[in-house]
Amino acid sequence: MISNERPSPFGYRPYSQPKPPVQEDTLKNEKIQIERKTFVFTLKENPRGRFLRITEDVGGRRDTIIIPSTGLEDFKKLLEEMVKTSNNIPQKSSPPEMT
């Protein structure tokens, strides 16, 4: 049997109608440029609740994470701890450049 002839572990899925889009309201939107990366922070709300969408754009390639509003305080605390640790630990010296 050729590998692409194996049945899918996800089962047979006939073509179906795409899910209708979920109505999302944007409550606040902010953008920040850090080096060659652009980060977009968007606070949104939909019927399931509020959430923060963080999108990283690097040269047209985008990655996104979504944090439910119920986790924002914990996320903020952890981020503050990371910033504090980063400020308190000296940076390692850069390796010498090869010529």
PDB file of N, CA and C in Angstrom:
ATOM      1  N   MET A   1       0.851  -1.173   0.000  1.00  0.00           N
ATOM      2  CA  MET A   1       0.000   0.000   0.000  1.00  0.00           C
ATOM      3  C   MET A   1       0.897   1.236   0.000  1.00  0.00           C
ATOM      4  N   ILE A   2       0.629   2.175  -0.846  1.00  0.00           N
ATOM      5  CA  ILE A   2       1.361   3.435  -0.895  1.00  0.00           C
ATOM      6  C   ILE A   2       0.862   4.317   0.236  1.00  0.00           C
ATOM      7  N   SER A   3       1.780   5.074   0.852  1.00  0.00           N
ATOM      8  CA  SER A   3       1.432   5.833   2.053  1.00  0.00           C
ATOM      9  C   SER A   3       0.252   6.770   1.854  1.00  0.00           C
ATOM     10  N   ASN A   4       0.125   7.361   0.660  1.00  0.00           N
ATOM     11  CA  ASN A   4      -0.993   8.279   0.482  1.00  0.00           C
ATOM     12  C   ASN A   4      -2.310   7.563   0.196  1.00  0.00           C
ATOM     13  N   GLU A   5      -2.309   6.235   0.184  1.00  0.00           N
ATOM     14  CA  GLU A   5      -3.538   5.467  -0.001  1.00  0.00           C
ATOM     15  C   GLU A   5      -4.131   5.020   1.324  1.00  0.00           C
ATOM     16  N   ARG A   6      -3.431   5.291   2.418  1.00  0.00           N
ATOM     17  CA  ARG A   6      -3.954   4.896   3.726  1.00  0.00           C
ATOM     18  C   ARG A   6      -5.174   5.732   4.075  1.00  0.00           C
ATOM     19  N   PRO A   7      -6.110   5.125   4.789  1.00  0.00           N
ATOM     20  CA  PRO A   7      -7.272   5.915   5.209  1.00  0.00           C
ATOM     21  C   PRO A   7      -6.846   6.971   6.226  1.00  0.00           C
ATOM     22  N   SER A   8      -7.535   8.062   6.209  1.00  0.00           N
ATOM     23  CA  SER A   8      -7.239   9.157   7.133  1.00  0.00           C
ATOM     24  C   SER A   8      -7.600   8.744   8.549  1.00  0.00           C
ATOM     25  N   PRO A   9      -6.760   9.071   9.539  1.00  0.00           N
ATOM     26  CA  PRO A   9      -7.123   8.779  10.934  1.00  0.00           C
ATOM     27  C   PRO A   9      -8.296   9.634  11.392  1.00  0.00           C
ATOM     28  N   PHE A  10      -8.638  10.648  10.621  1.00  0.00           N
ATOM     29  CA  PHE A  10      -9.733  11.541  10.992  1.00  0.00           C
ATOM     30  C   PHE A  10     -11.057  11.103  10.379  1.00  0.00           C
ATOM     31  N   GLY A  11     -11.046  10.011   9.625  1.00  0.00           N
ATOM     32  CA  GLY A  11     -12.265   9.501   9.029  1.00  0.00           C
ATOM     33  C   GLY A  11     -12.636  10.234   7.751  1.00  0.00           C
ATOM     34  N   TYR A  12     -13.661   9.743   7.104  1.00  0.00           N
ATOM     35  CA  TYR A  12     -14.127  10.338   5.847  1.00  0.00           C
ATOM     36  C   TYR A  12     -14.938  11.582   6.149  1.00  0.00           C
ATOM     37  N   ARG A  13     -14.576  12.673   5.501  1.00  0.00           N
ATOM     38  CA  ARG A  13     -15.312  13.920   5.690  1.00  0.00           C
ATOM     39  C   ARG A  13     -15.750  14.440   4.326  1.00  0.00           C
ATOM     40  N   PRO A  14     -16.993  14.262   4.012  1.00  0.00           N
ATOM     41  CA  PRO A  14     -17.462  14.781   2.718  1.00  0.00           C
ATOM     42  C   PRO A  14     -17.417  16.302   2.725  1.00  0.00           C
ATOM     43  N   TYR A  15     -17.313  16.848   1.540  1.00  0.00           N
ATOM     44  CA  TYR A  15     -17.306  18.305   1.436  1.00  0.00           C
ATOM     45  C   TYR A  15     -18.604  18.837   2.005  1.00  0.00           C
ATOM     46  N   SER A  16     -18.494  19.847   2.827  1.00  0.00           N
ATOM     47  CA  SER A  16     -19.692  20.416   3.437  1.00  0.00           C
ATOM     48  C   SER A  16     -19.611  21.933   3.347  1.00  0.00           C
ATOM     49  N   GLN A  17     -20.689  22.548   3.725  1.00  0.00           N
ATOM     50  CA  GLN A  17     -20.738  24.006   3.726  1.00  0.00           C
ATOM     51  C   GLN A  17     -19.767  24.546   4.761  1.00  0.00           C
ATOM     52  N   PRO A  18     -19.049  25.635   4.440  1.00  0.00           N
ATOM     53  CA  PRO A  18     -18.179  26.230   5.450  1.00  0.00           C
ATOM     54  C   PRO A  18     -19.013  26.810   6.585  1.00  0.00           C
ATOM     55  N   LYS A  19     -18.398  26.869   7.750  1.00  0.00           N
ATOM     56  CA  LYS A  19     -19.101  27.425   8.900  1.00  0.00           C
ATOM     57  C   LYS A  19     -19.362  28.906   8.660  1.00  0.00           C
ATOM     58  N   PRO A  20     -20.506  29.378   9.095  1.00  0.00           N
ATOM     59  CA  PRO A  20     -20.777  30.812   8.921  1.00  0.00           C
ATOM     60  C   PRO A  20     -19.830  31.620   9.808  1.00  0.00           C
ATOM     61  N   PRO A  21     -19.441  32.811   9.372  1.00  0.00           N
ATOM     62  CA  PRO A  21     -18.525  33.602  10.194  1.00  0.00           C
ATOM     63  C   PRO A  21     -19.190  34.013  11.503  1.00  0.00           C
ATOM     64  N   VAL A  22     -18.387  34.065  12.554  1.00  0.00           N
ATOM     65  CA  VAL A  22     -18.883  34.470  13.862  1.00  0.00           C
ATOM     66  C   VAL A  22     -18.759  35.985  13.953  1.00  0.00           C
ATOM     67  N   GLN A  23     -19.813  36.646  14.409  1.00  0.00           N
ATOM     68  CA  GLN A  23     -19.791  38.091  14.573  1.00  0.00           C
ATOM     69  C   GLN A  23     -18.826  38.448  15.703  1.00  0.00           C
ATOM     70  N   GLU A  24     -17.795  39.231  15.388  1.00  0.00           N
ATOM     71  CA  GLU A  24     -16.825  39.691  16.384  1.00  0.00           C
ATOM     72  C   GLU A  24     -16.798  41.210  16.372  1.00  0.00           C
ATOM     73  N   ASP A  25     -16.855  41.801  17.553  1.00  0.00           N
ATOM     74  CA  ASP A  25     -16.748  43.247  17.683  1.00  0.00           C
ATOM     75  C   ASP A  25     -15.362  43.595  18.204  1.00  0.00           C
ATOM     76  N   THR A  26     -14.705  44.546  17.544  1.00  0.00           N
ATOM     77  CA  THR A  26     -13.392  45.002  17.996  1.00  0.00           C
ATOM     78  C   THR A  26     -13.601  46.091  19.037  1.00  0.00           C
ATOM     79  N   LEU A  27     -13.021  45.881  20.232  1.00  0.00           N
ATOM     80  CA  LEU A  27     -13.147  46.837  21.321  1.00  0.00           C
ATOM     81  C   LEU A  27     -11.959  47.792  21.374  1.00  0.00           C
ATOM     82  N   LYS A  28     -10.777  47.283  21.017  1.00  0.00           N
ATOM     83  CA  LYS A  28      -9.566  48.110  21.010  1.00  0.00           C
ATOM     84  C   LYS A  28      -8.535  47.421  20.134  1.00  0.00           C
ATOM     85  N   ASN A  29      -7.721  48.238  19.449  1.00  0.00           N
ATOM     86  CA  ASN A  29      -6.721  47.708  18.541  1.00  0.00           C
ATOM     87  C   ASN A  29      -5.463  48.561  18.668  1.00  0.00           C
ATOM     88  N   GLU A  30      -4.302  47.923  18.904  1.00  0.00           N
ATOM     89  CA  GLU A  30      -3.022  48.629  19.020  1.00  0.00           C
ATOM     90  C   GLU A  30      -1.966  47.854  18.254  1.00  0.00           C
ATOM     91  N   LYS A  31      -1.004  48.596  17.694  1.00  0.00           N
ATOM     92  CA  LYS A  31       0.069  47.997  16.912  1.00  0.00           C
ATOM     93  C   LYS A  31       1.401  48.500  17.458  1.00  0.00           C
ATOM     94  N   ILE A  32       2.409  47.607  17.489  1.00  0.00           N
ATOM     95  CA  ILE A  32       3.744  47.975  17.928  1.00  0.00           C
ATOM     96  C   ILE A  32       4.769  47.317  17.006  1.00  0.00           C
ATOM     97  N   GLN A  33       5.792  48.077  16.644  1.00  0.00           N
ATOM     98  CA  GLN A  33       6.879  47.572  15.797  1.00  0.00           C
ATOM     99  C   GLN A  33       8.082  47.327  16.703  1.00  0.00           C
ATOM    100  N   ILE A  34       8.612  46.101  16.706  1.00  0.00           N
ATOM    101  CA  ILE A  34       9.799  45.746  17.473  1.00  0.00           C
ATOM    102  C   ILE A  34      10.762  45.072  16.517  1.00  0.00           C
ATOM    103  N   GLU A  35      11.872  45.754  16.265  1.00  0.00           N
ATOM    104  CA  GLU A  35      12.845  45.307  15.273  1.00  0.00           C
ATOM    105  C   GLU A  35      12.132  45.084  13.953  1.00  0.00           C
ATOM    106  N   ARG A  36      12.202  43.893  13.385  1.00  0.00           N
ATOM    107  CA  ARG A  36      11.554  43.664  12.089  1.00  0.00           C
ATOM    108  C   ARG A  36      10.179  43.014  12.224  1.00  0.00           C
ATOM    109  N   LYS A  37       9.669  42.961  13.438  1.00  0.00           N
ATOM    110  CA  LYS A  37       8.371  42.327  13.683  1.00  0.00           C
ATOM    111  C   LYS A  37       7.327  43.380  14.030  1.00  0.00           C
ATOM    112  N   THR A  38       6.125  43.152  13.553  1.00  0.00           N
ATOM    113  CA  THR A  38       4.989  43.985  13.926  1.00  0.00           C
ATOM    114  C   THR A  38       4.037  43.126  14.738  1.00  0.00           C
ATOM    115  N   PHE A  39       3.643  43.645  15.900  1.00  0.00           N
ATOM    116  CA  PHE A  39       2.688  42.948  16.745  1.00  0.00           C
ATOM    117  C   PHE A  39       1.399  43.759  16.781  1.00  0.00           C
ATOM    118  N   VAL A  40       0.278  43.078  16.548  1.00  0.00           N
ATOM    119  CA  VAL A  40      -1.022  43.724  16.602  1.00  0.00           C
ATOM    120  C   VAL A  40      -1.794  43.084  17.754  1.00  0.00           C
ATOM    121  N   PHE A  41      -2.233  43.920  18.686  1.00  0.00           N
ATOM    122  CA  PHE A  41      -3.032  43.482  19.827  1.00  0.00           C
ATOM    123  C   PHE A  41      -4.459  43.946  19.579  1.00  0.00           C
ATOM    124  N   THR A  42      -5.393  43.007  19.522  1.00  0.00           N
ATOM    125  CA  THR A  42      -6.786  43.337  19.254  1.00  0.00           C
ATOM    126  C   THR A  42      -7.666  42.710  20.322  1.00  0.00           C
ATOM    127  N   LEU A  43      -8.344  43.568  21.076  1.00  0.00           N
ATOM    128  CA  LEU A  43      -9.306  43.091  22.068  1.00  0.00           C
ATOM    129  C   LEU A  43     -10.649  42.986  21.367  1.00  0.00           C
ATOM    130  N   LYS A  44     -11.217  41.783  21.383  1.00  0.00           N
ATOM    131  CA  LYS A  44     -12.464  41.524  20.653  1.00  0.00           C
ATOM    132  C   LYS A  44     -13.484  40.881  21.568  1.00  0.00           C
ATOM    133  N   GLU A  45     -14.710  40.855  21.057  1.00  0.00           N
ATOM    134  CA  GLU A  45     -15.804  40.201  21.776  1.00  0.00           C
ATOM    135  C   GLU A  45     -16.694  39.508  20.762  1.00  0.00           C
ATOM    136  N   ASN A  46     -17.110  38.301  21.098  1.00  0.00           N
ATOM    137  CA  ASN A  46     -18.069  37.576  20.271  1.00  0.00           C
ATOM    138  C   ASN A  46     -19.083  36.920  21.212  1.00  0.00           C
ATOM    139  N   PRO A  47     -20.048  36.175  20.694  1.00  0.00           N
ATOM    140  CA  PRO A  47     -21.054  35.578  21.583  1.00  0.00           C
ATOM    141  C   PRO A  47     -20.474  34.675  22.675  1.00  0.00           C
ATOM    142  N   ARG A  48     -19.263  34.152  22.466  1.00  0.00           N
ATOM    143  CA  ARG A  48     -18.653  33.284  23.484  1.00  0.00           C
ATOM    144  C   ARG A  48     -17.910  34.071  24.553  1.00  0.00           C
ATOM    145  N   GLY A  49     -17.650  35.361  24.332  1.00  0.00           N
ATOM    146  CA  GLY A  49     -16.967  36.174  25.334  1.00  0.00           C
ATOM    147  C   GLY A  49     -15.907  37.077  24.730  1.00  0.00           C
ATOM    148  N   ARG A  50     -15.119  37.695  25.606  1.00  0.00           N
ATOM    149  CA  ARG A  50     -14.033  38.583  25.181  1.00  0.00           C
ATOM    150  C   ARG A  50     -12.727  37.813  25.105  1.00  0.00           C
ATOM    151  N   PHE A  51     -11.835  38.322  24.234  1.00  0.00           N
ATOM    152  CA  PHE A  51     -10.535  37.686  24.082  1.00  0.00           C
ATOM    153  C   PHE A  51      -9.551  38.680  23.485  1.00  0.00           C
ATOM    154  N   LEU A  52      -8.285  38.409  23.721  1.00  0.00           N
ATOM    155  CA  LEU A  52      -7.213  39.212  23.142  1.00  0.00           C
ATOM    156  C   LEU A  52      -6.552  38.388  22.052  1.00  0.00           C
ATOM    157  N   ARG A  53      -6.482  38.949  20.860  1.00  0.00           N
ATOM    158  CA  ARG A  53      -5.801  38.296  19.739  1.00  0.00           C
ATOM    159  C   ARG A  53      -4.474  39.036  19.549  1.00  0.00           C
ATOM    160  N   ILE A  54      -3.364  38.299  19.606  1.00  0.00           N
ATOM    161  CA  ILE A  54      -2.039  38.868  19.380  1.00  0.00           C
ATOM    162  C   ILE A  54      -1.520  38.262  18.086  1.00  0.00           C
ATOM    163  N   THR A  55      -1.269  39.129  17.109  1.00  0.00           N
ATOM    164  CA  THR A  55      -0.784  38.683  15.808  1.00  0.00           C
ATOM    165  C   THR A  55       0.613  39.222  15.582  1.00  0.00           C
ATOM    166  N   GLU A  56       1.516  38.332  15.222  1.00  0.00           N
ATOM    167  CA  GLU A  56       2.896  38.685  14.888  1.00  0.00           C
ATOM    168  C   GLU A  56       3.028  38.623  13.373  1.00  0.00           C
ATOM    169  N   ASP A  57       3.511  39.707  12.773  1.00  0.00           N
ATOM    170  CA  ASP A  57       3.706  39.754  11.323  1.00  0.00           C
ATOM    171  C   ASP A  57       5.179  39.988  11.049  1.00  0.00           C
ATOM    172  N   VAL A  58       5.802  39.046  10.356  1.00  0.00           N
ATOM    173  CA  VAL A  58       7.209  39.163   9.977  1.00  0.00           C
ATOM    174  C   VAL A  58       7.270  38.964   8.472  1.00  0.00           C
ATOM    175  N   GLY A  59       7.458  40.046   7.752  1.00  0.00           N
ATOM    176  CA  GLY A  59       7.580  39.953   6.305  1.00  0.00           C
ATOM    177  C   GLY A  59       6.401  39.288   5.629  1.00  0.00           C
ATOM    178  N   GLY A  60       5.200  39.535   6.108  1.00  0.00           N
ATOM    179  CA  GLY A  60       4.009  38.953   5.496  1.00  0.00           C
ATOM    180  C   GLY A  60       3.581  37.615   6.072  1.00  0.00           C
ATOM    181  N   ARG A  61       4.435  36.990   6.876  1.00  0.00           N
ATOM    182  CA  ARG A  61       4.079  35.719   7.518  1.00  0.00           C
ATOM    183  C   ARG A  61       3.460  36.040   8.869  1.00  0.00           C
ATOM    184  N   ARG A  62       2.276  35.526   9.123  1.00  0.00           N
ATOM    185  CA  ARG A  62       1.556  35.862  10.356  1.00  0.00           C
ATOM    186  C   ARG A  62       1.344  34.645  11.232  1.00  0.00           C
ATOM    187  N   ASP A  63       1.504  34.878  12.521  1.00  0.00           N
ATOM    188  CA  ASP A  63       1.165  33.886  13.537  1.00  0.00           C
ATOM    189  C   ASP A  63       0.293  34.591  14.567  1.00  0.00           C
ATOM    190  N   THR A  64      -0.688  33.870  15.081  1.00  0.00           N
ATOM    191  CA  THR A  64      -1.644  34.468  16.007  1.00  0.00           C
ATOM    192  C   THR A  64      -1.868  33.568  17.214  1.00  0.00           C
ATOM    193  N   ILE A  65      -1.988  34.214  18.374  1.00  0.00           N
ATOM    194  CA  ILE A  65      -2.441  33.502  19.568  1.00  0.00           C
ATOM    195  C   ILE A  65      -3.664  34.238  20.091  1.00  0.00           C
ATOM    196  N   ILE A  66      -4.531  33.507  20.747  1.00  0.00           N
ATOM    197  CA  ILE A  66      -5.741  34.092  21.316  1.00  0.00           C
ATOM    198  C   ILE A  66      -5.781  33.755  22.792  1.00  0.00           C
ATOM    199  N   ILE A  67      -5.996  34.786  23.615  1.00  0.00           N
ATOM    200  CA  ILE A  67      -6.052  34.616  25.063  1.00  0.00           C
ATOM    201  C   ILE A  67      -7.449  35.013  25.529  1.00  0.00           C
ATOM    202  N   PRO A  68      -8.203  34.084  26.103  1.00  0.00           N
ATOM    203  CA  PRO A  68      -9.522  34.439  26.633  1.00  0.00           C
ATOM    204  C   PRO A  68      -9.376  35.488  27.731  1.00  0.00           C
ATOM    205  N   SER A  69     -10.365  36.365  27.849  1.00  0.00           N
ATOM    206  CA  SER A  69     -10.285  37.445  28.846  1.00  0.00           C
ATOM    207  C   SER A  69     -10.123  36.905  30.266  1.00  0.00           C
ATOM    208  N   THR A  70     -10.597  35.683  30.504  1.00  0.00           N
ATOM    209  CA  THR A  70     -10.467  35.096  31.840  1.00  0.00           C
ATOM    210  C   THR A  70      -9.011  34.815  32.198  1.00  0.00           C
ATOM    211  N   GLY A  71      -8.118  34.794  31.209  1.00  0.00           N
ATOM    212  CA  GLY A  71      -6.708  34.521  31.464  1.00  0.00           C
ATOM    213  C   GLY A  71      -5.807  35.734  31.348  1.00  0.00           C
ATOM    214  N   LEU A  72      -6.371  36.909  31.069  1.00  0.00           N
ATOM    215  CA  LEU A  72      -5.540  38.089  30.843  1.00  0.00           C
ATOM    216  C   LEU A  72      -4.737  38.512  32.073  1.00  0.00           C
ATOM    217  N   GLU A  73      -5.322  38.447  33.242  1.00  0.00           N
ATOM    218  CA  GLU A  73      -4.580  38.831  34.456  1.00  0.00           C
ATOM    219  C   GLU A  73      -3.401  37.897  34.692  1.00  0.00           C
ATOM    220  N   ASP A  74      -3.611  36.592  34.547  1.00  0.00           N
ATOM    221  CA  ASP A  74      -2.513  35.631  34.710  1.00  0.00           C
ATOM    222  C   ASP A  74      -1.451  35.843  33.643  1.00  0.00           C
ATOM    223  N   PHE A  75      -1.882  36.129  32.412  1.00  0.00           N
ATOM    224  CA  PHE A  75      -0.949  36.393  31.318  1.00  0.00           C
ATOM    225  C   PHE A  75      -0.106  37.633  31.639  1.00  0.00           C
ATOM    226  N   LYS A  76      -0.751  38.675  32.131  1.00  0.00           N
ATOM    227  CA  LYS A  76      -0.058  39.917  32.492  1.00  0.00           C
ATOM    228  C   LYS A  76       0.966  39.667  33.602  1.00  0.00           C
ATOM    229  N   LYS A  77       0.585  38.917  34.627  1.00  0.00           N
ATOM    230  CA  LYS A  77       1.514  38.625  35.725  1.00  0.00           C
ATOM    231  C   LYS A  77       2.737  37.863  35.225  1.00  0.00           C
ATOM    232  N   LEU A  78       2.501  36.873  34.392  1.00  0.00           N
ATOM    233  CA  LEU A  78       3.608  36.084  33.862  1.00  0.00           C
ATOM    234  C   LEU A  78       4.505  36.933  32.975  1.00  0.00           C
ATOM    235  N   LEU A  79       3.922  37.780  32.156  1.00  0.00           N
ATOM    236  CA  LEU A  79       4.705  38.667  31.297  1.00  0.00           C
ATOM    237  C   LEU A  79       5.537  39.635  32.134  1.00  0.00           C
ATOM    238  N   GLU A  80       4.956  40.185  33.193  1.00  0.00           N
ATOM    239  CA  GLU A  80       5.700  41.086  34.084  1.00  0.00           C
ATOM    240  C   GLU A  80       6.870  40.358  34.742  1.00  0.00           C
ATOM    241  N   GLU A  81       6.663  39.099  35.141  1.00  0.00           N
ATOM    242  CA  GLU A  81       7.752  38.305  35.719  1.00  0.00           C
ATOM    243  C   GLU A  81       8.872  38.090  34.703  1.00  0.00           C
ATOM    244  N   MET A  82       8.510  37.820  33.455  1.00  0.00           N
ATOM    245  CA  MET A  82       9.512  37.609  32.412  1.00  0.00           C
ATOM    246  C   MET A  82      10.313  38.885  32.155  1.00  0.00           C
ATOM    247  N   VAL A  83       9.640  40.036  32.131  1.00  0.00           N
ATOM    248  CA  VAL A  83      10.328  41.319  31.932  1.00  0.00           C
ATOM    249  C   VAL A  83      11.278  41.585  33.089  1.00  0.00           C
ATOM    250  N   LYS A  84      10.820  41.356  34.307  1.00  0.00           N
ATOM    251  CA  LYS A  84      11.652  41.569  35.494  1.00  0.00           C
ATOM    252  C   LYS A  84      12.882  40.666  35.457  1.00  0.00           C
ATOM    253  N   THR A  85      12.688  39.403  35.138  1.00  0.00           N
ATOM    254  CA  THR A  85      13.798  38.459  35.053  1.00  0.00           C
ATOM    255  C   THR A  85      14.774  38.863  33.960  1.00  0.00           C
ATOM    256  N   SER A  86      14.246  39.265  32.807  1.00  0.00           N
ATOM    257  CA  SER A  86      15.109  39.681  31.698  1.00  0.00           C
ATOM    258  C   SER A  86      15.958  40.895  32.080  1.00  0.00           C
ATOM    259  N   ASN A  87      15.379  41.817  32.842  1.00  0.00           N
ATOM    260  CA  ASN A  87      16.114  43.011  33.273  1.00  0.00           C
ATOM    261  C   ASN A  87      17.145  42.705  34.344  1.00  0.00           C
ATOM    262  N   ASN A  88      16.943  41.654  35.126  1.00  0.00           N
ATOM    263  CA  ASN A  88      17.840  41.334  36.242  1.00  0.00           C
ATOM    264  C   ASN A  88      18.958  40.362  35.885  1.00  0.00           C
ATOM    265  N   ILE A  89      18.839  39.666  34.787  1.00  0.00           N
ATOM    266  CA  ILE A  89      19.873  38.704  34.390  1.00  0.00           C
ATOM    267  C   ILE A  89      20.720  39.352  33.305  1.00  0.00           C
ATOM    268  N   PRO A  90      22.043  39.453  33.532  1.00  0.00           N
ATOM    269  CA  PRO A  90      22.890  40.066  32.505  1.00  0.00           C
ATOM    270  C   PRO A  90      22.876  39.239  31.219  1.00  0.00           C
ATOM    271  N   GLN A  91      22.934  39.946  30.085  1.00  0.00           N
ATOM    272  CA  GLN A  91      22.955  39.261  28.807  1.00  0.00           C
ATOM    273  C   GLN A  91      24.313  38.600  28.608  1.00  0.00           C
ATOM    274  N   LYS A  92      24.282  37.430  27.970  1.00  0.00           N
ATOM    275  CA  LYS A  92      25.530  36.750  27.629  1.00  0.00           C
ATOM    276  C   LYS A  92      26.176  37.528  26.493  1.00  0.00           C
ATOM    277  N   SER A  93      27.497  37.509  26.456  1.00  0.00           N
ATOM    278  CA  SER A  93      28.176  38.222  25.391  1.00  0.00           C
ATOM    279  C   SER A  93      27.921  37.523  24.077  1.00  0.00           C
ATOM    280  N   SER A  94      27.896  38.313  23.014  1.00  0.00           N
ATOM    281  CA  SER A  94      27.674  37.748  21.678  1.00  0.00           C
ATOM    282  C   SER A  94      28.886  36.962  21.242  1.00  0.00           C
ATOM    283  N   PRO A  95      28.691  35.875  20.490  1.00  0.00           N
ATOM    284  CA  PRO A  95      29.842  35.108  19.995  1.00  0.00           C
ATOM    285  C   PRO A  95      30.619  35.979  19.018  1.00  0.00           C
ATOM    286  N   PRO A  96      31.922  35.790  18.947  1.00  0.00           N
ATOM    287  CA  PRO A  96      32.728  36.589  18.009  1.00  0.00           C
ATOM    288  C   PRO A  96      32.310  36.310  16.578  1.00  0.00           C
ATOM    289  N   GLU A  97      32.323  37.384  15.769  1.00  0.00           N
ATOM    290  CA  GLU A  97      31.946  37.221  14.366  1.00  0.00           C
ATOM    291  C   GLU A  97      33.070  36.532  13.615  1.00  0.00           C
ATOM    292  N   MET A  98      32.687  35.664  12.684  1.00  0.00           N
ATOM    293  CA  MET A  98      33.674  34.941  11.882  1.00  0.00           C
ATOM    294  C   MET A  98      34.044  35.808  10.677  1.00  0.00           C
ATOM    295  N   THR A  99      35.303  35.882  10.386  1.00  0.00           N
ATOM    296  CA  THR A  99      35.744  36.657   9.219  1.00  0.00           C
ATOM    297  C   THR A  99      36.354  35.762   8.189  1.00  0.00           C
TER     298      THR A  99
END
